[in-house]
Amino acid sequence: MAERVNNKSVIVAPVDSLYTILLILAAALQLFGLVFVVVRAMQQFGSLWPPAGG
């Protein structure tokens, strides 16, 4: 991203490390949620899918 300082273009380095950490955290949380749902389904239904017919 270019920023103008005194009519000169200055290239400012983006703060990517924060967004990378947040992306890794979001992916890890989503993976944890998926594992949690799979484990709970196995505990309640004995398989990944609930029985047909309610």
C-alpha atoms as a PDB file:
ATOM      1  CA  MET A   1       0.000   0.000   0.000  1.00  0.00           C
ATOM      2  CA  ALA A   2       1.392   3.383  -0.925  1.00  0.00           C
ATOM      3  CA  GLU A   3       0.978   6.360   1.340  1.00  0.00           C
ATOM      4  CA  ARG A   4       1.666   9.971   0.449  1.00  0.00           C
ATOM      5  CA  VAL A   5       3.923  11.887   2.801  1.00  0.00           C
ATOM      6  CA  ASN A   6       4.905  15.380   1.659  1.00  0.00           C
ATOM      7  CA  ASN A   7       3.911  14.522  -1.936  1.00  0.00           C
ATOM      8  CA  LYS A   8       6.228  11.493  -1.995  1.00  0.00           C
ATOM      9  CA  SER A   9       5.027   7.915  -2.306  1.00  0.00           C
ATOM     10  CA  VAL A  10       6.166   5.886   0.656  1.00  0.00           C
ATOM     11  CA  ILE A  11       5.617   2.144   0.686  1.00  0.00           C
ATOM     12  CA  VAL A  12       4.336   1.022   4.060  1.00  0.00           C
ATOM     13  CA  ALA A  13       4.708  -2.624   4.978  1.00  0.00           C
ATOM     14  CA  PRO A  14       1.357  -4.209   5.909  1.00  0.00           C
ATOM     15  CA  VAL A  15       0.807  -5.788   9.283  1.00  0.00           C
ATOM     16  CA  ASP A  16       0.370  -9.334   8.020  1.00  0.00           C
ATOM     17  CA  SER A  17       1.438 -11.163  11.147  1.00  0.00           C
ATOM     18  CA  LEU A  18      -1.739 -10.217  13.044  1.00  0.00           C
ATOM     19  CA  TYR A  19      -4.007 -11.420  10.248  1.00  0.00           C
ATOM     20  CA  THR A  20      -1.993 -14.609   9.834  1.00  0.00           C
ATOM     21  CA  ILE A  21      -2.335 -15.375  13.534  1.00  0.00           C
ATOM     22  CA  LEU A  22      -6.080 -14.674  13.432  1.00  0.00           C
ATOM     23  CA  LEU A  23      -6.474 -16.904  10.356  1.00  0.00           C
ATOM     24  CA  ILE A  24      -4.593 -19.757  12.029  1.00  0.00           C
ATOM     25  CA  LEU A  25      -6.657 -19.306  15.193  1.00  0.00           C
ATOM     26  CA  ALA A  26      -9.928 -19.360  13.228  1.00  0.00           C
ATOM     27  CA  ALA A  27      -8.897 -22.489  11.315  1.00  0.00           C
ATOM     28  CA  ALA A  28      -7.858 -24.238  14.540  1.00  0.00           C
ATOM     29  CA  LEU A  29     -11.141 -23.320  16.227  1.00  0.00           C
ATOM     30  CA  GLN A  30     -13.110 -24.610  13.254  1.00  0.00           C
ATOM     31  CA  LEU A  31     -11.152 -27.883  13.288  1.00  0.00           C
ATOM     32  CA  PHE A  32     -11.780 -28.231  17.029  1.00  0.00           C
ATOM     33  CA  GLY A  33     -15.507 -27.666  16.477  1.00  0.00           C
ATOM     34  CA  LEU A  34     -15.611 -30.298  13.733  1.00  0.00           C
ATOM     35  CA  VAL A  35     -13.860 -32.858  15.932  1.00  0.00           C
ATOM     36  CA  PHE A  36     -16.226 -32.017  18.798  1.00  0.00           C
ATOM     37  CA  VAL A  37     -19.308 -32.560  16.621  1.00  0.00           C
ATOM     38  CA  VAL A  38     -17.947 -35.869  15.310  1.00  0.00           C
ATOM     39  CA  VAL A  39     -17.160 -37.125  18.819  1.00  0.00           C
ATOM     40  CA  ARG A  40     -20.582 -36.107  20.166  1.00  0.00           C
ATOM     41  CA  ALA A  41     -22.355 -37.753  17.217  1.00  0.00           C
ATOM     42  CA  MET A  42     -20.424 -40.963  17.828  1.00  0.00           C
ATOM     43  CA  GLN A  43     -21.331 -40.857  21.528  1.00  0.00           C
ATOM     44  CA  GLN A  44     -25.033 -40.227  20.974  1.00  0.00           C
ATOM     45  CA  PHE A  45     -25.793 -42.197  17.826  1.00  0.00           C
ATOM     46  CA  GLY A  46     -23.028 -44.757  17.560  1.00  0.00           C
ATOM     47  CA  SER A  47     -22.158 -43.433  14.101  1.00  0.00           C
ATOM     48  CA  LEU A  48     -21.608 -40.153  12.393  1.00  0.00           C
ATOM     49  CA  TRP A  49     -25.208 -39.918  11.157  1.00  0.00           C
ATOM     50  CA  PRO A  50     -28.339 -40.062  13.317  1.00  0.00           C
ATOM     51  CA  PRO A  51     -30.762 -42.957  12.750  1.00  0.00           C
ATOM     52  CA  ALA A  52     -33.335 -42.524   9.995  1.00  0.00           C
ATOM     53  CA  GLY A  53     -36.946 -41.850  10.884  1.00  0.00           C
ATOM     54  CA  GLY A  54     -36.307 -39.663  13.902  1.00  0.00           C
END
